[in-house]
Amino acid sequence: MLERLDHALARGAHIYGELCAYGLSNDAFHETAPHPEGSGLARAIKMALEQGQLTPDKIEYINAHGTGTEANDKAEIAALRQVFGETMRVPVSSSKAYFGHNLGAAAAVELVTTLFAIRQGYLPGTLHFDHPRSGYEDVDVIGEKMRPYQPEYMLSNNAAFGGHNVSLLIRTGIDGTA
């Protein structure tokens, strides 16, 4: 459930995370394929960081769109490198392998499960991830086992047909118990 932070705090709600900012873009490259250089997703990430007044070094985890296809993975890593640098060190995982691609519901399902994992003290794993694709060995992809950690700030990225991209900037641990 989304509600204003002051209302949630006033009623003593259990808060999993605060939506601090978001970025939306459309690369309009192809009906079903992302722009190979990840330019649209990079714009969405940059917008979220700018709106949230954060620098990339404050992001401690990224829940990737992560479809597991070569075209999508290459485009998303290219986008992340545009924002976080060629030697990106932010841990990344994708939960799509657990649920499949839920199309319009994917972002919501992935964000809820990611926030629940973080609440338990873990970054979610990437089911069936054995090794990185060639050329991406330096990316810190969290494998099948969840990694103990509770980031203060994270991004949740998603993309859709037609070149739509979104990046949500989330702060966790608002009520001091996460």
N, C-alpha and C. Protein backbone atom coordinates (compact mmCIF):
# COMPACT_ATOMS: atom_id res chain seq x y z
N MET A 1 0.84 -1.17 0.00
CA MET A 1 0.00 0.00 0.00
C MET A 1 0.89 1.23 0.00
N LEU A 2 0.54 2.19 -0.80
CA LEU A 2 1.24 3.46 -0.81
C LEU A 2 0.42 4.49 -0.07
N GLU A 3 1.08 5.24 0.79
CA GLU A 3 0.42 6.36 1.47
C GLU A 3 1.47 7.38 1.84
N ARG A 4 1.04 8.55 2.18
CA ARG A 4 1.99 9.60 2.59
C ARG A 4 2.75 9.13 3.82
N LEU A 5 4.04 9.45 3.86
CA LEU A 5 4.89 9.02 4.96
C LEU A 5 4.40 9.56 6.30
N ASP A 6 4.01 10.84 6.35
CA ASP A 6 3.56 11.40 7.63
C ASP A 6 2.31 10.69 8.14
N HIS A 7 1.41 10.27 7.25
CA HIS A 7 0.21 9.53 7.67
C HIS A 7 0.58 8.16 8.21
N ALA A 8 1.48 7.48 7.49
CA ALA A 8 1.90 6.14 7.92
C ALA A 8 2.59 6.20 9.28
N LEU A 9 3.45 7.17 9.47
CA LEU A 9 4.14 7.31 10.76
C LEU A 9 3.15 7.63 11.87
N ALA A 10 2.19 8.49 11.58
CA ALA A 10 1.21 8.91 12.59
C ALA A 10 0.36 7.73 13.07
N ARG A 11 0.07 6.80 12.18
CA ARG A 11 -0.76 5.66 12.59
C ARG A 11 0.08 4.46 13.02
N GLY A 12 1.41 4.63 13.07
CA GLY A 12 2.29 3.56 13.54
C GLY A 12 2.41 2.40 12.56
N ALA A 13 2.28 2.68 11.28
CA ALA A 13 2.33 1.64 10.25
C ALA A 13 3.72 1.01 10.17
N HIS A 14 3.75 -0.23 9.77
CA HIS A 14 4.99 -0.93 9.49
C HIS A 14 5.45 -0.47 8.10
N ILE A 15 6.56 0.22 8.01
CA ILE A 15 7.01 0.81 6.75
C ILE A 15 8.16 0.01 6.18
N TYR A 16 7.96 -0.51 4.99
CA TYR A 16 9.01 -1.29 4.32
C TYR A 16 9.97 -0.39 3.56
N GLY A 17 9.48 0.70 3.02
CA GLY A 17 10.34 1.60 2.28
C GLY A 17 9.59 2.85 1.88
N GLU A 18 10.35 3.87 1.59
CA GLU A 18 9.80 5.15 1.16
C GLU A 18 10.16 5.38 -0.30
N LEU A 19 9.15 5.63 -1.13
CA LEU A 19 9.38 5.99 -2.51
C LEU A 19 9.83 7.45 -2.52
N CYS A 20 11.13 7.66 -2.73
CA CYS A 20 11.70 9.01 -2.67
C CYS A 20 11.59 9.75 -3.98
N ALA A 21 11.73 9.02 -5.09
CA ALA A 21 11.73 9.66 -6.40
C ALA A 21 11.59 8.58 -7.47
N TYR A 22 11.34 9.03 -8.68
CA TYR A 22 11.25 8.09 -9.80
C TYR A 22 11.66 8.80 -11.08
N GLY A 23 12.02 8.01 -12.06
CA GLY A 23 12.32 8.54 -13.38
C GLY A 23 11.58 7.72 -14.41
N LEU A 24 11.01 8.38 -15.39
CA LEU A 24 10.30 7.73 -16.49
C LEU A 24 10.90 8.19 -17.81
N SER A 25 11.03 7.26 -18.74
CA SER A 25 11.52 7.64 -20.06
C SER A 25 10.96 6.68 -21.10
N ASN A 26 11.15 7.04 -22.35
CA ASN A 26 10.77 6.17 -23.45
C ASN A 26 11.83 6.31 -24.52
N ASP A 27 12.47 5.20 -24.86
CA ASP A 27 13.50 5.30 -25.90
C ASP A 27 12.94 5.08 -27.30
N ALA A 28 11.69 4.57 -27.41
CA ALA A 28 11.00 4.42 -28.70
C ALA A 28 11.89 3.81 -29.77
N PHE A 29 12.72 2.86 -29.37
CA PHE A 29 13.66 2.24 -30.30
C PHE A 29 13.00 1.15 -31.14
N HIS A 30 12.19 0.31 -30.50
CA HIS A 30 11.58 -0.84 -31.17
C HIS A 30 10.35 -1.26 -30.38
N GLU A 31 9.43 -1.95 -31.02
CA GLU A 31 8.21 -2.38 -30.33
C GLU A 31 8.50 -3.23 -29.10
N THR A 32 9.45 -4.17 -29.22
CA THR A 32 9.68 -5.11 -28.12
C THR A 32 11.11 -5.13 -27.61
N ALA A 33 12.04 -4.54 -28.31
CA ALA A 33 13.46 -4.59 -27.91
C ALA A 33 13.89 -3.27 -27.30
N PRO A 34 14.76 -3.34 -26.27
CA PRO A 34 15.28 -2.10 -25.69
C PRO A 34 16.35 -1.49 -26.59
N HIS A 35 16.61 -0.23 -26.41
CA HIS A 35 17.72 0.39 -27.12
C HIS A 35 18.99 -0.33 -26.69
N PRO A 36 19.81 -0.81 -27.63
CA PRO A 36 20.97 -1.62 -27.26
C PRO A 36 21.98 -0.92 -26.35
N GLU A 37 22.01 0.41 -26.38
CA GLU A 37 22.93 1.14 -25.52
C GLU A 37 22.30 1.49 -24.17
N GLY A 38 21.04 1.11 -23.97
CA GLY A 38 20.38 1.36 -22.69
C GLY A 38 20.11 2.83 -22.41
N SER A 39 20.05 3.64 -23.46
CA SER A 39 19.94 5.09 -23.25
C SER A 39 18.65 5.49 -22.53
N GLY A 40 17.53 4.85 -22.84
CA GLY A 40 16.27 5.21 -22.19
C GLY A 40 16.27 4.87 -20.72
N LEU A 41 16.73 3.68 -20.37
CA LEU A 41 16.78 3.29 -18.96
C LEU A 41 17.78 4.16 -18.20
N ALA A 42 18.90 4.48 -18.82
CA ALA A 42 19.89 5.37 -18.17
C ALA A 42 19.25 6.72 -17.85
N ARG A 43 18.45 7.26 -18.77
CA ARG A 43 17.77 8.54 -18.52
C ARG A 43 16.82 8.42 -17.33
N ALA A 44 16.08 7.31 -17.26
CA ALA A 44 15.14 7.11 -16.15
C ALA A 44 15.89 7.05 -14.81
N ILE A 45 17.01 6.35 -14.77
CA ILE A 45 17.80 6.23 -13.54
C ILE A 45 18.34 7.60 -13.13
N LYS A 46 18.90 8.33 -14.10
CA LYS A 46 19.44 9.66 -13.81
C LYS A 46 18.35 10.60 -13.29
N MET A 47 17.14 10.52 -13.89
CA MET A 47 16.03 11.36 -13.43
C MET A 47 15.66 11.04 -11.99
N ALA A 48 15.61 9.74 -11.66
CA ALA A 48 15.25 9.35 -10.29
C ALA A 48 16.29 9.88 -9.30
N LEU A 49 17.56 9.74 -9.64
CA LEU A 49 18.62 10.23 -8.75
C LEU A 49 18.56 11.75 -8.61
N GLU A 50 18.35 12.43 -9.72
CA GLU A 50 18.27 13.90 -9.67
C GLU A 50 17.07 14.36 -8.85
N GLN A 51 15.92 13.76 -9.10
CA GLN A 51 14.72 14.13 -8.36
C GLN A 51 14.89 13.84 -6.86
N GLY A 52 15.55 12.73 -6.55
CA GLY A 52 15.78 12.35 -5.15
C GLY A 52 16.98 13.05 -4.53
N GLN A 53 17.67 13.87 -5.32
CA GLN A 53 18.85 14.62 -4.87
C GLN A 53 19.91 13.70 -4.26
N LEU A 54 20.16 12.58 -4.96
CA LEU A 54 21.19 11.63 -4.54
C LEU A 54 22.22 11.45 -5.64
N THR A 55 23.43 11.18 -5.26
CA THR A 55 24.47 10.83 -6.21
C THR A 55 24.51 9.30 -6.33
N PRO A 56 25.01 8.79 -7.45
CA PRO A 56 25.03 7.35 -7.65
C PRO A 56 25.73 6.56 -6.54
N ASP A 57 26.72 7.15 -5.88
CA ASP A 57 27.45 6.43 -4.84
C ASP A 57 26.59 6.13 -3.60
N LYS A 58 25.42 6.74 -3.49
CA LYS A 58 24.52 6.48 -2.35
C LYS A 58 23.65 5.23 -2.56
N ILE A 59 23.60 4.74 -3.80
CA ILE A 59 22.79 3.56 -4.11
C ILE A 59 23.58 2.32 -3.71
N GLU A 60 22.96 1.48 -2.88
CA GLU A 60 23.64 0.30 -2.35
C GLU A 60 23.11 -1.02 -2.91
N TYR A 61 22.06 -0.94 -3.71
CA TYR A 61 21.49 -2.15 -4.31
C TYR A 61 20.58 -1.76 -5.47
N ILE A 62 20.56 -2.60 -6.51
CA ILE A 62 19.66 -2.39 -7.65
C ILE A 62 18.89 -3.67 -7.92
N ASN A 63 17.56 -3.56 -7.90
CA ASN A 63 16.72 -4.65 -8.36
C ASN A 63 16.51 -4.40 -9.84
N ALA A 64 17.17 -5.20 -10.66
CA ALA A 64 17.18 -4.99 -12.10
C ALA A 64 15.91 -5.48 -12.77
N HIS A 65 15.63 -4.94 -13.93
CA HIS A 65 14.54 -5.45 -14.75
C HIS A 65 14.85 -6.92 -15.05
N GLY A 66 16.08 -7.20 -15.43
CA GLY A 66 16.65 -8.54 -15.50
C GLY A 66 15.81 -9.65 -16.09
N THR A 67 15.47 -9.53 -17.37
CA THR A 67 14.68 -10.60 -18.00
C THR A 67 15.51 -11.84 -18.27
N GLY A 68 16.83 -11.72 -18.27
CA GLY A 68 17.68 -12.87 -18.55
C GLY A 68 17.91 -13.11 -20.03
N THR A 69 17.39 -12.24 -20.90
CA THR A 69 17.66 -12.38 -22.33
C THR A 69 18.91 -11.58 -22.67
N GLU A 70 19.61 -12.01 -23.69
CA GLU A 70 20.86 -11.35 -24.03
C GLU A 70 20.66 -9.87 -24.36
N ALA A 71 19.66 -9.56 -25.19
CA ALA A 71 19.43 -8.16 -25.59
C ALA A 71 19.08 -7.29 -24.39
N ASN A 72 18.18 -7.76 -23.54
CA ASN A 72 17.77 -6.96 -22.39
C ASN A 72 18.89 -6.82 -21.37
N ASP A 73 19.61 -7.90 -21.10
CA ASP A 73 20.69 -7.82 -20.12
C ASP A 73 21.79 -6.87 -20.59
N LYS A 74 22.16 -6.95 -21.86
CA LYS A 74 23.20 -6.06 -22.38
C LYS A 74 22.77 -4.60 -22.29
N ALA A 75 21.52 -4.34 -22.66
CA ALA A 75 21.03 -2.96 -22.63
C ALA A 75 20.97 -2.44 -21.19
N GLU A 76 20.53 -3.29 -20.26
CA GLU A 76 20.42 -2.83 -18.88
C GLU A 76 21.79 -2.59 -18.25
N ILE A 77 22.73 -3.48 -18.50
CA ILE A 77 24.09 -3.27 -17.97
C ILE A 77 24.70 -2.02 -18.60
N ALA A 78 24.47 -1.80 -19.89
CA ALA A 78 24.96 -0.58 -20.53
C ALA A 78 24.38 0.66 -19.86
N ALA A 79 23.09 0.61 -19.54
CA ALA A 79 22.44 1.74 -18.85
C ALA A 79 23.06 1.96 -17.48
N LEU A 80 23.24 0.89 -16.73
CA LEU A 80 23.81 1.01 -15.38
C LEU A 80 25.23 1.56 -15.43
N ARG A 81 26.01 1.13 -16.42
CA ARG A 81 27.38 1.64 -16.54
C ARG A 81 27.40 3.12 -16.90
N GLN A 82 26.41 3.59 -17.65
CA GLN A 82 26.33 5.02 -17.98
C GLN A 82 26.14 5.86 -16.73
N VAL A 83 25.46 5.30 -15.74
CA VAL A 83 25.17 6.04 -14.52
C VAL A 83 26.22 5.77 -13.44
N PHE A 84 26.61 4.52 -13.27
CA PHE A 84 27.47 4.13 -12.15
C PHE A 84 28.93 3.93 -12.54
N GLY A 85 29.25 4.09 -13.82
CA GLY A 85 30.63 3.94 -14.28
C GLY A 85 30.91 2.56 -14.82
N GLU A 86 31.96 2.48 -15.59
CA GLU A 86 32.33 1.21 -16.23
C GLU A 86 32.63 0.10 -15.22
N THR A 87 33.19 0.47 -14.09
CA THR A 87 33.51 -0.54 -13.07
C THR A 87 32.48 -0.47 -11.95
N MET A 88 31.25 -0.63 -12.34
CA MET A 88 30.12 -0.56 -11.43
C MET A 88 30.26 -1.58 -10.31
N ARG A 89 30.11 -1.16 -9.06
CA ARG A 89 30.27 -2.04 -7.91
C ARG A 89 29.00 -2.22 -7.10
N VAL A 90 27.88 -1.71 -7.57
CA VAL A 90 26.62 -1.82 -6.85
C VAL A 90 26.06 -3.24 -7.06
N PRO A 91 25.70 -3.95 -5.98
CA PRO A 91 25.11 -5.28 -6.15
C PRO A 91 23.78 -5.20 -6.90
N VAL A 92 23.58 -6.17 -7.80
CA VAL A 92 22.40 -6.22 -8.65
C VAL A 92 21.80 -7.61 -8.60
N SER A 93 20.49 -7.68 -8.59
CA SER A 93 19.83 -8.98 -8.76
C SER A 93 18.50 -8.76 -9.46
N SER A 94 17.90 -9.87 -9.88
CA SER A 94 16.59 -9.80 -10.53
C SER A 94 15.73 -10.93 -9.99
N SER A 95 14.49 -10.61 -9.71
CA SER A 95 13.58 -11.62 -9.15
C SER A 95 12.64 -12.21 -10.20
N LYS A 96 12.79 -11.83 -11.47
CA LYS A 96 11.88 -12.34 -12.50
C LYS A 96 11.88 -13.85 -12.61
N ALA A 97 13.00 -14.50 -12.37
CA ALA A 97 13.05 -15.96 -12.49
C ALA A 97 12.17 -16.66 -11.45
N TYR A 98 11.87 -15.99 -10.37
CA TYR A 98 10.99 -16.57 -9.36
C TYR A 98 9.53 -16.53 -9.79
N PHE A 99 9.13 -15.48 -10.49
CA PHE A 99 7.72 -15.24 -10.78
C PHE A 99 7.39 -15.31 -12.26
N GLY A 100 8.39 -15.25 -13.12
CA GLY A 100 8.15 -15.06 -14.54
C GLY A 100 7.97 -13.58 -14.80
N HIS A 101 7.73 -13.25 -16.03
CA HIS A 101 7.54 -11.83 -16.38
C HIS A 101 6.05 -11.53 -16.28
N ASN A 102 5.69 -10.76 -15.28
CA ASN A 102 4.28 -10.43 -15.02
C ASN A 102 3.79 -9.22 -15.82
N LEU A 103 4.54 -8.83 -16.82
CA LEU A 103 4.19 -7.69 -17.67
C LEU A 103 3.86 -6.46 -16.82
N GLY A 104 2.66 -5.95 -16.87
CA GLY A 104 2.32 -4.72 -16.16
C GLY A 104 2.42 -4.80 -14.66
N ALA A 105 2.36 -6.01 -14.10
CA ALA A 105 2.46 -6.18 -12.65
C ALA A 105 3.89 -6.43 -12.18
N ALA A 106 4.83 -6.58 -13.11
CA ALA A 106 6.20 -6.96 -12.75
C ALA A 106 6.84 -6.00 -11.75
N ALA A 107 6.75 -4.72 -11.99
CA ALA A 107 7.39 -3.75 -11.11
C ALA A 107 6.85 -3.84 -9.69
N ALA A 108 5.54 -3.97 -9.55
CA ALA A 108 4.94 -4.03 -8.22
C ALA A 108 5.33 -5.31 -7.49
N VAL A 109 5.24 -6.45 -8.16
CA VAL A 109 5.59 -7.73 -7.54
C VAL A 109 7.06 -7.74 -7.12
N GLU A 110 7.93 -7.27 -7.99
CA GLU A 110 9.36 -7.26 -7.70
C GLU A 110 9.70 -6.30 -6.56
N LEU A 111 9.08 -5.15 -6.53
CA LEU A 111 9.36 -4.18 -5.46
C LEU A 111 8.89 -4.73 -4.11
N VAL A 112 7.69 -5.28 -4.06
CA VAL A 112 7.16 -5.82 -2.80
C VAL A 112 8.05 -6.94 -2.27
N THR A 113 8.43 -7.87 -3.12
CA THR A 113 9.25 -8.98 -2.64
C THR A 113 10.67 -8.53 -2.27
N THR A 114 11.19 -7.55 -2.99
CA THR A 114 12.51 -7.01 -2.66
C THR A 114 12.48 -6.32 -1.30
N LEU A 115 11.47 -5.50 -1.07
CA LEU A 115 11.37 -4.81 0.23
C LEU A 115 11.16 -5.80 1.37
N PHE A 116 10.44 -6.87 1.12
CA PHE A 116 10.25 -7.88 2.16
C PHE A 116 11.58 -8.57 2.47
N ALA A 117 12.36 -8.91 1.44
CA ALA A 117 13.67 -9.54 1.65
C ALA A 117 14.59 -8.61 2.44
N ILE A 118 14.61 -7.33 2.06
CA ILE A 118 15.45 -6.36 2.76
C ILE A 118 15.01 -6.24 4.22
N ARG A 119 13.73 -6.25 4.44
CA ARG A 119 13.20 -6.18 5.82
C ARG A 119 13.74 -7.34 6.66
N GLN A 120 13.95 -8.49 6.01
CA GLN A 120 14.48 -9.67 6.70
C GLN A 120 16.01 -9.64 6.79
N GLY A 121 16.63 -8.61 6.20
CA GLY A 121 18.08 -8.45 6.27
C GLY A 121 18.84 -9.01 5.08
N TYR A 122 18.16 -9.19 3.94
CA TYR A 122 18.81 -9.79 2.77
C TYR A 122 18.53 -9.01 1.49
N LEU A 123 19.49 -9.11 0.57
CA LEU A 123 19.26 -8.68 -0.80
C LEU A 123 18.83 -9.93 -1.55
N PRO A 124 17.77 -9.84 -2.36
CA PRO A 124 17.27 -11.02 -3.05
C PRO A 124 18.29 -11.58 -4.04
N GLY A 125 18.23 -12.89 -4.24
CA GLY A 125 19.10 -13.54 -5.20
C GLY A 125 18.48 -13.56 -6.59
N THR A 126 19.23 -14.10 -7.53
CA THR A 126 18.79 -14.25 -8.91
C THR A 126 18.73 -15.75 -9.20
N LEU A 127 17.54 -16.30 -9.21
CA LEU A 127 17.33 -17.72 -9.42
C LEU A 127 17.93 -18.16 -10.76
N HIS A 128 18.61 -19.29 -10.76
CA HIS A 128 19.22 -19.90 -11.95
C HIS A 128 20.41 -19.11 -12.50
N PHE A 129 20.97 -18.21 -11.73
CA PHE A 129 22.15 -17.47 -12.20
C PHE A 129 23.39 -18.25 -11.79
N ASP A 130 24.13 -18.76 -12.79
CA ASP A 130 25.35 -19.54 -12.52
C ASP A 130 26.60 -18.71 -12.75
N HIS A 131 26.60 -17.95 -13.83
CA HIS A 131 27.78 -17.16 -14.20
C HIS A 131 27.35 -16.01 -15.11
N PRO A 132 28.14 -14.95 -15.11
CA PRO A 132 27.79 -13.79 -15.94
C PRO A 132 28.03 -14.06 -17.42
N ARG A 133 27.32 -13.32 -18.24
CA ARG A 133 27.58 -13.38 -19.69
C ARG A 133 28.97 -12.83 -19.96
N SER A 134 29.54 -13.26 -21.04
CA SER A 134 30.86 -12.79 -21.45
C SER A 134 30.86 -11.27 -21.56
N GLY A 135 31.86 -10.65 -20.98
CA GLY A 135 31.98 -9.19 -21.00
C GLY A 135 31.37 -8.51 -19.80
N TYR A 136 30.69 -9.27 -18.95
CA TYR A 136 30.02 -8.70 -17.78
C TYR A 136 30.48 -9.36 -16.48
N GLU A 137 31.65 -9.94 -16.51
CA GLU A 137 32.18 -10.64 -15.34
C GLU A 137 32.42 -9.71 -14.15
N ASP A 138 32.60 -8.42 -14.42
CA ASP A 138 32.89 -7.46 -13.36
C ASP A 138 31.64 -6.93 -12.66
N VAL A 139 30.45 -7.28 -13.15
CA VAL A 139 29.21 -6.80 -12.54
C VAL A 139 28.89 -7.69 -11.33
N ASP A 140 28.58 -7.06 -10.21
CA ASP A 140 28.30 -7.79 -8.96
C ASP A 140 26.85 -8.28 -8.94
N VAL A 141 26.60 -9.38 -9.67
CA VAL A 141 25.27 -9.97 -9.70
C VAL A 141 25.16 -10.94 -8.53
N ILE A 142 24.12 -10.78 -7.74
CA ILE A 142 23.87 -11.68 -6.62
C ILE A 142 23.30 -12.96 -7.20
N GLY A 143 23.97 -14.08 -6.93
CA GLY A 143 23.55 -15.37 -7.45
C GLY A 143 22.32 -15.90 -6.74
N GLU A 144 22.16 -17.20 -6.76
CA GLU A 144 20.94 -17.83 -6.23
C GLU A 144 20.73 -17.59 -4.74
N LYS A 145 21.81 -17.49 -3.97
CA LYS A 145 21.66 -17.29 -2.53
C LYS A 145 21.52 -15.81 -2.20
N MET A 146 20.53 -15.52 -1.37
CA MET A 146 20.36 -14.14 -0.95
C MET A 146 21.60 -13.70 -0.17
N ARG A 147 21.90 -12.42 -0.25
CA ARG A 147 23.09 -11.87 0.42
C ARG A 147 22.65 -11.05 1.63
N PRO A 148 23.21 -11.33 2.80
CA PRO A 148 22.86 -10.53 3.97
C PRO A 148 23.28 -9.07 3.78
N TYR A 149 22.34 -8.17 3.86
CA TYR A 149 22.63 -6.74 3.76
C TYR A 149 21.32 -5.97 3.83
N GLN A 150 21.37 -4.77 4.37
CA GLN A 150 20.22 -3.87 4.39
C GLN A 150 20.66 -2.51 3.88
N PRO A 151 20.40 -2.25 2.59
CA PRO A 151 20.79 -0.96 2.03
C PRO A 151 19.90 0.17 2.55
N GLU A 152 20.48 1.36 2.58
CA GLU A 152 19.64 2.51 2.93
C GLU A 152 18.87 2.99 1.70
N TYR A 153 19.56 3.00 0.54
CA TYR A 153 18.92 3.42 -0.70
C TYR A 153 19.10 2.35 -1.77
N MET A 154 18.04 2.14 -2.53
CA MET A 154 18.08 1.17 -3.62
C MET A 154 17.30 1.71 -4.81
N LEU A 155 17.54 1.11 -5.96
CA LEU A 155 16.77 1.40 -7.16
C LEU A 155 16.03 0.14 -7.58
N SER A 156 14.85 0.31 -8.12
CA SER A 156 14.11 -0.78 -8.73
C SER A 156 13.81 -0.35 -10.16
N ASN A 157 14.37 -1.09 -11.13
CA ASN A 157 14.24 -0.74 -12.54
C ASN A 157 13.28 -1.68 -13.25
N ASN A 158 12.53 -1.13 -14.18
CA ASN A 158 11.68 -1.94 -15.05
C ASN A 158 11.57 -1.28 -16.40
N ALA A 159 11.31 -2.12 -17.40
CA ALA A 159 11.14 -1.64 -18.77
C ALA A 159 9.94 -2.37 -19.35
N ALA A 160 9.40 -1.83 -20.42
CA ALA A 160 8.22 -2.44 -21.02
C ALA A 160 8.26 -2.29 -22.54
N PHE A 161 7.38 -3.03 -23.18
CA PHE A 161 7.28 -2.94 -24.63
C PHE A 161 7.06 -1.50 -25.04
N GLY A 162 7.57 -1.17 -26.20
CA GLY A 162 7.42 0.18 -26.71
C GLY A 162 8.50 1.13 -26.21
N GLY A 163 9.43 0.62 -25.43
CA GLY A 163 10.55 1.44 -24.96
C GLY A 163 10.30 2.18 -23.67
N HIS A 164 9.27 1.81 -22.93
CA HIS A 164 8.98 2.46 -21.64
C HIS A 164 9.98 2.01 -20.58
N ASN A 165 10.46 2.94 -19.78
CA ASN A 165 11.43 2.65 -18.72
C ASN A 165 11.03 3.39 -17.46
N VAL A 166 11.28 2.75 -16.30
CA VAL A 166 11.04 3.39 -15.02
C VAL A 166 12.14 2.98 -14.05
N SER A 167 12.53 3.91 -13.21
CA SER A 167 13.46 3.63 -12.13
C SER A 167 12.90 4.27 -10.86
N LEU A 168 12.70 3.45 -9.84
CA LEU A 168 12.17 3.93 -8.57
C LEU A 168 13.31 4.03 -7.57
N LEU A 169 13.42 5.15 -6.89
CA LEU A 169 14.41 5.36 -5.84
C LEU A 169 13.72 5.14 -4.50
N ILE A 170 14.19 4.16 -3.75
CA ILE A 170 13.56 3.75 -2.51
C ILE A 170 14.54 3.89 -1.34
N ARG A 171 14.04 4.42 -0.22
CA ARG A 171 14.80 4.44 1.03
C ARG A 171 14.17 3.42 1.96
N THR A 172 14.98 2.57 2.54
CA THR A 172 14.48 1.54 3.45
C THR A 172 14.77 1.92 4.91
N GLY A 173 14.17 1.18 5.83
CA GLY A 173 14.47 1.37 7.24
C GLY A 173 13.92 2.66 7.83
N ILE A 174 12.82 3.14 7.35
CA ILE A 174 12.26 4.42 7.79
C ILE A 174 11.90 4.42 9.27
N ASP A 175 11.28 3.32 9.72
CA ASP A 175 10.82 3.32 11.12
C ASP A 175 11.87 2.77 12.08
N GLY A 176 13.09 2.58 11.57
CA GLY A 176 14.19 2.16 12.43
C GLY A 176 14.21 0.66 12.74
N THR A 177 13.29 -0.10 12.16
CA THR A 177 13.29 -1.53 12.44
C THR A 177 13.69 -2.36 11.23
N ALA A 178 13.92 -1.76 10.09
CA ALA A 178 14.33 -2.52 8.91
C ALA A 178 15.83 -2.61 8.84
